[in-house]
Amino acid sequence: MSHSTPPANEPNSTSTLSEQPGVLVAKKHHILVRWSHWLNVPILLGLFLSGISIYWASPVYQHKPDPNTGNFDVAADIGTWLCAHLPGLHHYSSPPDWIYNHMSLGPGMLALALRLHWLCAYSFMVNGMVYVAGLVMGGGWRSLLPRRTDLFDALRMLRYYLGLPLARLIRRKWLHPRFKTKYNALQRTAYFSVPVAACLSIATGSAIHKPMQFHWLAALFGGYNAARVWHFWLMWLYILFVVPHVILVFADGWDTLRSMIVGWSTRVKRSEAIANER
């Protein structure tokens, strides 16, 4: 989320400034961006839950069948280990199904999971087009374009976030790296990577769903099985993005969250009005 504000004299910028008595208000997010942003929450949740149920029917990661149980699913092994070692889970009725019972629609739900997964997938595509339209109409796409200095600046931001907990613990001053754009380099890299991951998810999902019609697409990812591996790890890329995103938004305060709900922010310093967003 934003820590600084684009200039008021840039009419196509995603943020415009207006004064009210005693406060400077920044308009930050186009309504289509805000609607599509929040719609992604149930859509991604549906994709995740149904996707893990589909995984149950044909696990990506398998091993030779266990001679005692016949199990060949690594996820089932993890569930069995958790039930054997975590307090309160020792008497769980079906340890191999623990992961699927807690992170999916449940085992044995393949037909329902496939229907829900494709419903969410098509919704994800349409919602993505709405999001892009909002970025274009509001001018927000400029804030997401990579800069030549992003690699160095992203490393500085990563160092800041990694060192902040320790600095707070030992009560040492830990300065936030300065930047004059709407998003810092690490945020910009993360936000730019999500549409790329979305396109790859759609491509790999199509290759898995119709491997004969899209055999050429599956071949681009190394074949059918390789496309399944790509699709599986792209799901975890979304999780890797969402978890720190939510933590940092709440850490940054109500004003940042409000800007994605109502589209404006009041946490604007007059000096920030001349920040360069190009």
C-alpha atoms as a PDB file:
ATOM      1  CA  MET A   1       0.000   0.000   0.000  1.00  0.00           C
ATOM      2  CA  SER A   2       0.986   3.593  -0.396  1.00  0.00           C
ATOM      3  CA  HIS A   3       3.266   5.571   1.881  1.00  0.00           C
ATOM      4  CA  SER A   4       3.545   8.644  -0.335  1.00  0.00           C
ATOM      5  CA  THR A   5       1.358  10.505  -2.778  1.00  0.00           C
ATOM      6  CA  PRO A   6       1.715  11.416  -6.465  1.00  0.00           C
ATOM      7  CA  PRO A   7       1.738  15.061  -7.494  1.00  0.00           C
ATOM      8  CA  ALA A   8      -1.436  17.072  -7.757  1.00  0.00           C
ATOM      9  CA  ASN A   9      -0.447  18.537 -11.107  1.00  0.00           C
ATOM     10  CA  GLU A  10      -0.436  15.172 -12.871  1.00  0.00           C
ATOM     11  CA  PRO A  11      -4.064  14.843 -14.089  1.00  0.00           C
ATOM     12  CA  ASN A  12      -3.818  11.209 -15.230  1.00  0.00           C
ATOM     13  CA  SER A  13      -2.241   9.990 -11.996  1.00  0.00           C
ATOM     14  CA  THR A  14      -4.054   7.366  -9.964  1.00  0.00           C
ATOM     15  CA  SER A  15      -4.041   9.823  -7.013  1.00  0.00           C
ATOM     16  CA  THR A  16      -5.319  13.387  -7.130  1.00  0.00           C
ATOM     17  CA  LEU A  17      -5.270  15.886  -4.300  1.00  0.00           C
ATOM     18  CA  SER A  18      -8.007  18.173  -2.994  1.00  0.00           C
ATOM     19  CA  GLU A  19      -8.079  20.378   0.048  1.00  0.00           C
ATOM     20  CA  GLN A  20     -10.672  20.355   2.785  1.00  0.00           C
ATOM     21  CA  PRO A  21     -10.561  22.595   5.875  1.00  0.00           C
ATOM     22  CA  GLY A  22      -7.535  21.469   7.877  1.00  0.00           C
ATOM     23  CA  VAL A  23      -6.832  18.365   5.821  1.00  0.00           C
ATOM     24  CA  LEU A  24      -5.362  17.392   2.471  1.00  0.00           C
ATOM     25  CA  VAL A  25      -7.249  14.519   0.809  1.00  0.00           C
ATOM     26  CA  ALA A  26      -5.710  12.186  -1.768  1.00  0.00           C
ATOM     27  CA  LYS A  27      -7.938  10.212  -4.154  1.00  0.00           C
ATOM     28  CA  LYS A  28      -6.034   6.968  -4.604  1.00  0.00           C
ATOM     29  CA  HIS A  29      -7.852   4.022  -6.186  1.00  0.00           C
ATOM     30  CA  HIS A  30     -10.363   3.845  -9.033  1.00  0.00           C
ATOM     31  CA  ILE A  31     -13.660   2.209  -8.074  1.00  0.00           C
ATOM     32  CA  LEU A  32     -13.088  -0.701 -10.496  1.00  0.00           C
ATOM     33  CA  VAL A  33      -9.695  -1.364  -8.885  1.00  0.00           C
ATOM     34  CA  ARG A  34     -11.292  -1.389  -5.433  1.00  0.00           C
ATOM     35  CA  TRP A  35     -14.202  -3.666  -6.408  1.00  0.00           C
ATOM     36  CA  SER A  36     -11.994  -6.155  -8.226  1.00  0.00           C
ATOM     37  CA  HIS A  37      -9.444  -6.077  -5.387  1.00  0.00           C
ATOM     38  CA  TRP A  38     -12.007  -7.200  -2.800  1.00  0.00           C
ATOM     39  CA  LEU A  39     -13.729  -9.669  -5.144  1.00  0.00           C
ATOM     40  CA  ASN A  40     -10.406 -11.468  -5.440  1.00  0.00           C
ATOM     41  CA  VAL A  41     -10.692 -12.511  -1.770  1.00  0.00           C
ATOM     42  CA  PRO A  42     -13.580 -15.019  -2.168  1.00  0.00           C
ATOM     43  CA  ILE A  43     -12.441 -15.974  -5.681  1.00  0.00           C
ATOM     44  CA  LEU A  44      -8.915 -16.915  -4.579  1.00  0.00           C
ATOM     45  CA  LEU A  45     -10.274 -18.688  -1.496  1.00  0.00           C
ATOM     46  CA  GLY A  46     -12.578 -20.758  -3.707  1.00  0.00           C
ATOM     47  CA  LEU A  47      -9.717 -21.567  -6.081  1.00  0.00           C
ATOM     48  CA  PHE A  48      -7.498 -22.663  -3.203  1.00  0.00           C
ATOM     49  CA  LEU A  49     -10.071 -24.866  -1.420  1.00  0.00           C
ATOM     50  CA  SER A  50     -11.302 -26.523  -4.605  1.00  0.00           C
ATOM     51  CA  GLY A  51      -7.753 -26.861  -5.941  1.00  0.00           C
ATOM     52  CA  ILE A  52      -6.571 -28.835  -2.907  1.00  0.00           C
ATOM     53  CA  SER A  53      -9.607 -31.129  -3.248  1.00  0.00           C
ATOM     54  CA  ILE A  54      -8.650 -31.742  -6.889  1.00  0.00           C
ATOM     55  CA  TYR A  55      -5.082 -32.399  -5.740  1.00  0.00           C
ATOM     56  CA  TRP A  56      -6.432 -35.152  -3.422  1.00  0.00           C
ATOM     57  CA  ALA A  57      -7.683 -37.115  -6.434  1.00  0.00           C
ATOM     58  CA  SER A  58      -4.293 -37.023  -8.175  1.00  0.00           C
ATOM     59  CA  PRO A  59      -1.447 -35.681  -6.013  1.00  0.00           C
ATOM     60  CA  VAL A  60       1.366 -33.875  -7.797  1.00  0.00           C
ATOM     61  CA  TYR A  61       3.911 -35.199  -5.297  1.00  0.00           C
ATOM     62  CA  GLN A  62       3.835 -38.947  -4.788  1.00  0.00           C
ATOM     63  CA  HIS A  63       6.174 -41.656  -3.558  1.00  0.00           C
ATOM     64  CA  LYS A  64       6.212 -45.427  -3.715  1.00  0.00           C
ATOM     65  CA  PRO A  65       3.195 -46.899  -1.872  1.00  0.00           C
ATOM     66  CA  ASP A  66       3.797 -47.531   1.813  1.00  0.00           C
ATOM     67  CA  PRO A  67       3.944 -51.328   2.343  1.00  0.00           C
ATOM     68  CA  ASN A  68       1.751 -51.075   5.450  1.00  0.00           C
ATOM     69  CA  THR A  69      -0.838 -48.446   4.533  1.00  0.00           C
ATOM     70  CA  GLY A  70      -0.596 -48.271   0.756  1.00  0.00           C
ATOM     71  CA  ASN A  71      -0.372 -44.489   0.967  1.00  0.00           C
ATOM     72  CA  PHE A  72       1.580 -42.682  -1.773  1.00  0.00           C
ATOM     73  CA  ASP A  73       0.524 -39.064  -1.101  1.00  0.00           C
ATOM     74  CA  VAL A  74       3.048 -36.683   0.503  1.00  0.00           C
ATOM     75  CA  ALA A  75       0.207 -34.441   1.778  1.00  0.00           C
ATOM     76  CA  ALA A  76      -1.329 -37.461   3.533  1.00  0.00           C
ATOM     77  CA  ASP A  77       2.082 -38.173   5.102  1.00  0.00           C
ATOM     78  CA  ILE A  78       2.163 -34.623   6.452  1.00  0.00           C
ATOM     79  CA  GLY A  79      -1.299 -35.039   7.969  1.00  0.00           C
ATOM     80  CA  THR A  80      -0.271 -38.317   9.577  1.00  0.00           C
ATOM     81  CA  TRP A  81       2.867 -36.708  11.027  1.00  0.00           C
ATOM     82  CA  LEU A  82       0.895 -33.750  12.420  1.00  0.00           C
ATOM     83  CA  CYS A  83      -1.623 -36.015  14.119  1.00  0.00           C
ATOM     84  CA  ALA A  84       1.180 -38.086  15.618  1.00  0.00           C
ATOM     85  CA  HIS A  85       3.190 -35.149  17.003  1.00  0.00           C
ATOM     86  CA  LEU A  86       0.831 -32.257  17.759  1.00  0.00           C
ATOM     87  CA  PRO A  87      -1.042 -32.197  21.092  1.00  0.00           C
ATOM     88  CA  GLY A  88      -4.777 -32.673  20.718  1.00  0.00           C
ATOM     89  CA  LEU A  89      -4.533 -34.491  17.388  1.00  0.00           C
ATOM     90  CA  HIS A  90      -3.439 -37.915  18.602  1.00  0.00           C
ATOM     91  CA  HIS A  91      -6.976 -39.334  18.408  1.00  0.00           C
ATOM     92  CA  TYR A  92      -7.916 -37.786  15.066  1.00  0.00           C
ATOM     93  CA  SER A  93     -10.133 -40.247  13.196  1.00  0.00           C
ATOM     94  CA  SER A  94      -8.346 -40.115   9.830  1.00  0.00           C
ATOM     95  CA  PRO A  95      -4.823 -38.666  10.017  1.00  0.00           C
ATOM     96  CA  PRO A  96      -4.087 -39.019   6.252  1.00  0.00           C
ATOM     97  CA  ASP A  97      -7.096 -36.789   5.527  1.00  0.00           C
ATOM     98  CA  TRP A  98      -6.214 -34.066   8.054  1.00  0.00           C
ATOM     99  CA  ILE A  99      -4.765 -31.689   5.414  1.00  0.00           C
ATOM    100  CA  TYR A 100      -7.728 -32.179   3.085  1.00  0.00           C
ATOM    101  CA  ASN A 101     -10.294 -31.808   5.856  1.00  0.00           C
ATOM    102  CA  HIS A 102      -8.778 -28.506   6.994  1.00  0.00           C
ATOM    103  CA  MET A 103      -7.430 -26.939   3.777  1.00  0.00           C
ATOM    104  CA  SER A 104      -9.944 -28.007   1.105  1.00  0.00           C
ATOM    105  CA  LEU A 105     -13.559 -28.925   0.485  1.00  0.00           C
ATOM    106  CA  GLY A 106     -12.645 -32.371   1.791  1.00  0.00           C
ATOM    107  CA  PRO A 107     -11.546 -35.717   0.322  1.00  0.00           C
ATOM    108  CA  GLY A 108     -13.796 -37.436  -2.189  1.00  0.00           C
ATOM    109  CA  MET A 109     -15.210 -34.146  -3.508  1.00  0.00           C
ATOM    110  CA  LEU A 110     -13.637 -34.175  -6.973  1.00  0.00           C
ATOM    111  CA  ALA A 111     -16.765 -33.482  -9.072  1.00  0.00           C
ATOM    112  CA  LEU A 112     -17.904 -30.564  -6.910  1.00  0.00           C
ATOM    113  CA  ALA A 113     -14.349 -29.255  -6.646  1.00  0.00           C
ATOM    114  CA  LEU A 114     -13.888 -29.225 -10.435  1.00  0.00           C
ATOM    115  CA  ARG A 115     -17.130 -27.292 -10.959  1.00  0.00           C
ATOM    116  CA  LEU A 116     -16.277 -24.750  -8.271  1.00  0.00           C
ATOM    117  CA  HIS A 117     -12.694 -24.438  -9.477  1.00  0.00           C
ATOM    118  CA  TRP A 118     -13.710 -23.526 -13.004  1.00  0.00           C
ATOM    119  CA  LEU A 119     -16.448 -21.183 -11.791  1.00  0.00           C
ATOM    120  CA  CYS A 120     -13.827 -19.353  -9.732  1.00  0.00           C
ATOM    121  CA  ALA A 121     -11.299 -19.532 -12.571  1.00  0.00           C
ATOM    122  CA  TYR A 122     -13.632 -17.816 -15.053  1.00  0.00           C
ATOM    123  CA  SER A 123     -14.599 -15.297 -12.368  1.00  0.00           C
ATOM    124  CA  PHE A 124     -10.895 -14.662 -11.776  1.00  0.00           C
ATOM    125  CA  MET A 125     -10.337 -13.951 -15.483  1.00  0.00           C
ATOM    126  CA  VAL A 126     -13.289 -11.538 -15.720  1.00  0.00           C
ATOM    127  CA  ASN A 127     -12.309  -9.847 -12.471  1.00  0.00           C
ATOM    128  CA  GLY A 128      -8.759  -9.464 -13.752  1.00  0.00           C
ATOM    129  CA  MET A 129     -10.032  -7.666 -16.862  1.00  0.00           C
ATOM    130  CA  VAL A 130     -12.072  -5.339 -14.648  1.00  0.00           C
ATOM    131  CA  TYR A 131      -8.977  -4.635 -12.551  1.00  0.00           C
ATOM    132  CA  VAL A 132      -6.910  -3.804 -15.643  1.00  0.00           C
ATOM    133  CA  ALA A 133      -9.697  -1.517 -16.889  1.00  0.00           C
ATOM    134  CA  GLY A 134      -9.662   0.288 -13.541  1.00  0.00           C
ATOM    135  CA  LEU A 135      -5.884   0.708 -13.712  1.00  0.00           C
ATOM    136  CA  VAL A 136      -6.143   2.189 -17.208  1.00  0.00           C
ATOM    137  CA  MET A 137      -9.085   4.478 -16.435  1.00  0.00           C
ATOM    138  CA  GLY A 138      -7.580   5.691 -13.159  1.00  0.00           C
ATOM    139  CA  GLY A 139      -4.007   5.923 -14.426  1.00  0.00           C
ATOM    140  CA  GLY A 140      -2.811   3.503 -11.742  1.00  0.00           C
ATOM    141  CA  TRP A 141      -0.860   1.419 -14.248  1.00  0.00           C
ATOM    142  CA  ARG A 142       1.938   3.998 -14.149  1.00  0.00           C
ATOM    143  CA  SER A 143       2.601   3.195 -10.494  1.00  0.00           C
ATOM    144  CA  LEU A 144       3.215  -0.476 -11.296  1.00  0.00           C
ATOM    145  CA  LEU A 145       5.702  -0.059 -14.124  1.00  0.00           C
ATOM    146  CA  PRO A 146       9.179  -1.368 -13.198  1.00  0.00           C
ATOM    147  CA  ARG A 147      12.025   1.154 -12.782  1.00  0.00           C
ATOM    148  CA  ARG A 148      15.694   0.639 -13.564  1.00  0.00           C
ATOM    149  CA  THR A 149      16.614   1.011  -9.893  1.00  0.00           C
ATOM    150  CA  ASP A 150      13.972  -1.438  -8.619  1.00  0.00           C
ATOM    151  CA  LEU A 151      16.359  -4.315  -7.908  1.00  0.00           C
ATOM    152  CA  PHE A 152      18.620  -2.264  -5.628  1.00  0.00           C
ATOM    153  CA  ASP A 153      15.691  -0.425  -4.027  1.00  0.00           C
ATOM    154  CA  ALA A 154      13.760  -3.673  -3.452  1.00  0.00           C
ATOM    155  CA  LEU A 155      16.770  -5.158  -1.643  1.00  0.00           C
ATOM    156  CA  ARG A 156      16.899  -2.074   0.600  1.00  0.00           C
ATOM    157  CA  MET A 157      13.201  -2.477   1.436  1.00  0.00           C
ATOM    158  CA  LEU A 158      13.662  -6.198   2.099  1.00  0.00           C
ATOM    159  CA  ARG A 159      16.525  -5.407   4.455  1.00  0.00           C
ATOM    160  CA  TYR A 160      14.281  -2.906   6.236  1.00  0.00           C
ATOM    161  CA  TYR A 161      11.382  -5.335   6.710  1.00  0.00           C
ATOM    162  CA  LEU A 162      13.663  -8.174   7.841  1.00  0.00           C
ATOM    163  CA  GLY A 163      15.511  -5.981  10.322  1.00  0.00           C
ATOM    164  CA  LEU A 164      12.499  -4.126  11.714  1.00  0.00           C
ATOM    165  CA  PRO A 165      11.349  -6.795  14.247  1.00  0.00           C
ATOM    166  CA  LEU A 166      14.855  -7.052  15.748  1.00  0.00           C
ATOM    167  CA  ALA A 167      15.210  -3.276  15.810  1.00  0.00           C
ATOM    168  CA  ARG A 168      11.901  -2.983  17.674  1.00  0.00           C
ATOM    169  CA  LEU A 169      12.982  -5.705  20.082  1.00  0.00           C
ATOM    170  CA  ILE A 170      16.261  -4.005  21.014  1.00  0.00           C
ATOM    171  CA  ARG A 171      14.650  -0.540  20.726  1.00  0.00           C
ATOM    172  CA  ARG A 172      17.035   0.575  18.035  1.00  0.00           C
ATOM    173  CA  LYS A 173      16.068   3.249  15.529  1.00  0.00           C
ATOM    174  CA  TRP A 174      15.506   1.630  12.129  1.00  0.00           C
ATOM    175  CA  LEU A 175      14.939   4.183   9.382  1.00  0.00           C
ATOM    176  CA  HIS A 176      12.468   3.480   6.612  1.00  0.00           C
ATOM    177  CA  PRO A 177      14.114   3.869   3.170  1.00  0.00           C
ATOM    178  CA  ARG A 178      12.907   7.023   1.435  1.00  0.00           C
ATOM    179  CA  PHE A 179      11.094   6.885  -1.894  1.00  0.00           C
ATOM    180  CA  LYS A 180       9.047   9.360  -3.923  1.00  0.00           C
ATOM    181  CA  THR A 181       6.637   7.067  -5.724  1.00  0.00           C
ATOM    182  CA  LYS A 182       3.252   5.712  -4.756  1.00  0.00           C
ATOM    183  CA  TYR A 183       4.695   2.254  -4.071  1.00  0.00           C
ATOM    184  CA  ASN A 184       8.173   1.339  -2.941  1.00  0.00           C
ATOM    185  CA  ALA A 185      10.227  -0.956  -5.181  1.00  0.00           C
ATOM    186  CA  LEU A 186       9.407  -4.125  -3.225  1.00  0.00           C
ATOM    187  CA  GLN A 187       5.672  -3.401  -3.343  1.00  0.00           C
ATOM    188  CA  ARG A 188       5.854  -2.548  -7.036  1.00  0.00           C
ATOM    189  CA  THR A 189       7.675  -5.798  -7.796  1.00  0.00           C
ATOM    190  CA  ALA A 190       5.127  -7.814  -5.806  1.00  0.00           C
ATOM    191  CA  TYR A 191       2.110  -6.096  -7.380  1.00  0.00           C
ATOM    192  CA  PHE A 192       3.571  -6.436 -10.877  1.00  0.00           C
ATOM    193  CA  SER A 193       4.281 -10.153 -10.324  1.00  0.00           C
ATOM    194  CA  VAL A 194       0.654 -11.016  -9.467  1.00  0.00           C
ATOM    195  CA  PRO A 195      -0.777 -10.343 -12.981  1.00  0.00           C
ATOM    196  CA  VAL A 196       2.143 -12.318 -14.435  1.00  0.00           C
ATOM    197  CA  ALA A 197       1.366 -15.213 -12.075  1.00  0.00           C
ATOM    198  CA  ALA A 198      -2.343 -14.945 -12.996  1.00  0.00           C
ATOM    199  CA  CYS A 199      -1.558 -15.334 -16.705  1.00  0.00           C
ATOM    200  CA  LEU A 200       0.650 -18.347 -15.958  1.00  0.00           C
ATOM    201  CA  SER A 201      -2.081 -19.881 -13.781  1.00  0.00           C
ATOM    202  CA  ILE A 202      -4.630 -19.542 -16.587  1.00  0.00           C
ATOM    203  CA  ALA A 203      -2.195 -20.990 -19.117  1.00  0.00           C
ATOM    204  CA  THR A 204      -1.171 -23.975 -16.971  1.00  0.00           C
ATOM    205  CA  GLY A 205      -4.758 -24.582 -15.867  1.00  0.00           C
ATOM    206  CA  SER A 206      -5.918 -24.679 -19.498  1.00  0.00           C
ATOM    207  CA  ALA A 207      -3.075 -27.065 -20.395  1.00  0.00           C
ATOM    208  CA  ILE A 208      -4.102 -29.381 -17.555  1.00  0.00           C
ATOM    209  CA  HIS A 209      -7.829 -29.170 -18.272  1.00  0.00           C
ATOM    210  CA  LYS A 210      -7.551 -29.903 -22.004  1.00  0.00           C
ATOM    211  CA  PRO A 211      -4.160 -31.535 -22.602  1.00  0.00           C
ATOM    212  CA  MET A 212      -5.099 -32.770 -26.098  1.00  0.00           C
ATOM    213  CA  GLN A 213      -6.519 -29.515 -27.444  1.00  0.00           C
ATOM    214  CA  PHE A 214      -3.767 -27.467 -25.792  1.00  0.00           C
ATOM    215  CA  HIS A 215      -0.927 -29.973 -26.156  1.00  0.00           C
ATOM    216  CA  TRP A 216       1.277 -27.184 -27.527  1.00  0.00           C
ATOM    217  CA  LEU A 217       0.578 -25.142 -24.390  1.00  0.00           C
ATOM    218  CA  ALA A 218       1.457 -28.052 -22.109  1.00  0.00           C
ATOM    219  CA  ALA A 219       4.654 -28.530 -24.110  1.00  0.00           C
ATOM    220  CA  LEU A 220       5.681 -24.928 -23.329  1.00  0.00           C
ATOM    221  CA  PHE A 221       5.743 -25.840 -19.633  1.00  0.00           C
ATOM    222  CA  GLY A 222       7.573 -29.127 -20.151  1.00  0.00           C
ATOM    223  CA  GLY A 223       4.610 -31.459 -20.612  1.00  0.00           C
ATOM    224  CA  TYR A 224       1.384 -32.292 -18.775  1.00  0.00           C
ATOM    225  CA  ASN A 225       2.964 -33.334 -15.465  1.00  0.00           C
ATOM    226  CA  ALA A 226       5.308 -30.348 -15.460  1.00  0.00           C
ATOM    227  CA  ALA A 227       2.335 -28.036 -16.093  1.00  0.00           C
ATOM    228  CA  ARG A 228       0.666 -29.497 -12.979  1.00  0.00           C
ATOM    229  CA  VAL A 229       3.790 -28.709 -10.947  1.00  0.00           C
ATOM    230  CA  TRP A 230       3.808 -25.153 -12.287  1.00  0.00           C
ATOM    231  CA  HIS A 231       0.105 -24.755 -11.424  1.00  0.00           C
ATOM    232  CA  PHE A 232       0.616 -26.111  -7.907  1.00  0.00           C
ATOM    233  CA  TRP A 233       3.476 -23.761  -7.032  1.00  0.00           C
ATOM    234  CA  LEU A 234       1.755 -20.744  -8.555  1.00  0.00           C
ATOM    235  CA  MET A 235      -0.947 -21.269  -5.932  1.00  0.00           C
ATOM    236  CA  TRP A 236       1.687 -20.965  -3.203  1.00  0.00           C
ATOM    237  CA  LEU A 237       3.042 -17.822  -4.869  1.00  0.00           C
ATOM    238  CA  TYR A 238      -0.354 -16.166  -4.280  1.00  0.00           C
ATOM    239  CA  ILE A 239      -0.242 -17.236  -0.632  1.00  0.00           C
ATOM    240  CA  LEU A 240       3.309 -15.908  -0.335  1.00  0.00           C
ATOM    241  CA  PHE A 241       2.001 -12.569  -1.630  1.00  0.00           C
ATOM    242  CA  VAL A 242      -1.254 -12.403   0.351  1.00  0.00           C
ATOM    243  CA  VAL A 243       0.058 -13.186   3.855  1.00  0.00           C
ATOM    244  CA  PRO A 244       2.735 -10.438   4.088  1.00  0.00           C
ATOM    245  CA  HIS A 245       0.436  -8.087   2.141  1.00  0.00           C
ATOM    246  CA  VAL A 246      -2.282  -8.393   4.807  1.00  0.00           C
ATOM    247  CA  ILE A 247       0.221  -8.115   7.672  1.00  0.00           C
ATOM    248  CA  LEU A 248       1.844  -4.975   6.241  1.00  0.00           C
ATOM    249  CA  VAL A 249      -1.502  -3.328   5.480  1.00  0.00           C
ATOM    250  CA  PHE A 250      -2.680  -3.722   9.060  1.00  0.00           C
ATOM    251  CA  ALA A 251       0.734  -2.655  10.355  1.00  0.00           C
ATOM    252  CA  ASP A 252       0.541   0.496   8.242  1.00  0.00           C
ATOM    253  CA  GLY A 253      -2.747   1.544   9.801  1.00  0.00           C
ATOM    254  CA  TRP A 254      -6.407   2.246   9.105  1.00  0.00           C
ATOM    255  CA  ASP A 255      -5.813   5.008   6.567  1.00  0.00           C
ATOM    256  CA  THR A 256      -4.081   2.626   4.152  1.00  0.00           C
ATOM    257  CA  LEU A 257      -6.887   0.069   4.448  1.00  0.00           C
ATOM    258  CA  ARG A 258      -9.535   2.766   4.087  1.00  0.00           C
ATOM    259  CA  SER A 259      -8.020   3.973   0.810  1.00  0.00           C
ATOM    260  CA  MET A 260      -8.780   0.588  -0.760  1.00  0.00           C
ATOM    261  CA  ILE A 261     -12.354   0.680   0.591  1.00  0.00           C
ATOM    262  CA  VAL A 262     -13.487   4.257  -0.129  1.00  0.00           C
ATOM    263  CA  GLY A 263     -10.753   5.333  -2.561  1.00  0.00           C
ATOM    264  CA  TRP A 264      -9.258   8.265  -0.679  1.00  0.00           C
ATOM    265  CA  SER A 265      -6.740   8.975   2.054  1.00  0.00           C
ATOM    266  CA  THR A 266      -6.169  11.838   4.472  1.00  0.00           C
ATOM    267  CA  ARG A 267      -2.655  10.908   5.559  1.00  0.00           C
ATOM    268  CA  VAL A 268      -0.969  13.328   3.183  1.00  0.00           C
ATOM    269  CA  LYS A 269       1.755  15.854   3.966  1.00  0.00           C
ATOM    270  CA  ARG A 270       1.901  19.020   1.915  1.00  0.00           C
ATOM    271  CA  SER A 271       5.532  18.273   1.032  1.00  0.00           C
ATOM    272  CA  GLU A 272       4.415  14.959  -0.475  1.00  0.00           C
ATOM    273  CA  ALA A 273       2.245  16.761  -3.002  1.00  0.00           C
ATOM    274  CA  ILE A 274       5.313  17.507  -5.122  1.00  0.00           C
ATOM    275  CA  ALA A 275       6.628  13.916  -5.111  1.00  0.00           C
ATOM    276  CA  ASN A 276       7.618  12.648  -8.537  1.00  0.00           C
ATOM    277  CA  GLU A 277       5.451   9.717  -9.708  1.00  0.00           C
ATOM    278  CA  ARG A 278       6.904   9.400 -13.193  1.00  0.00           C
END
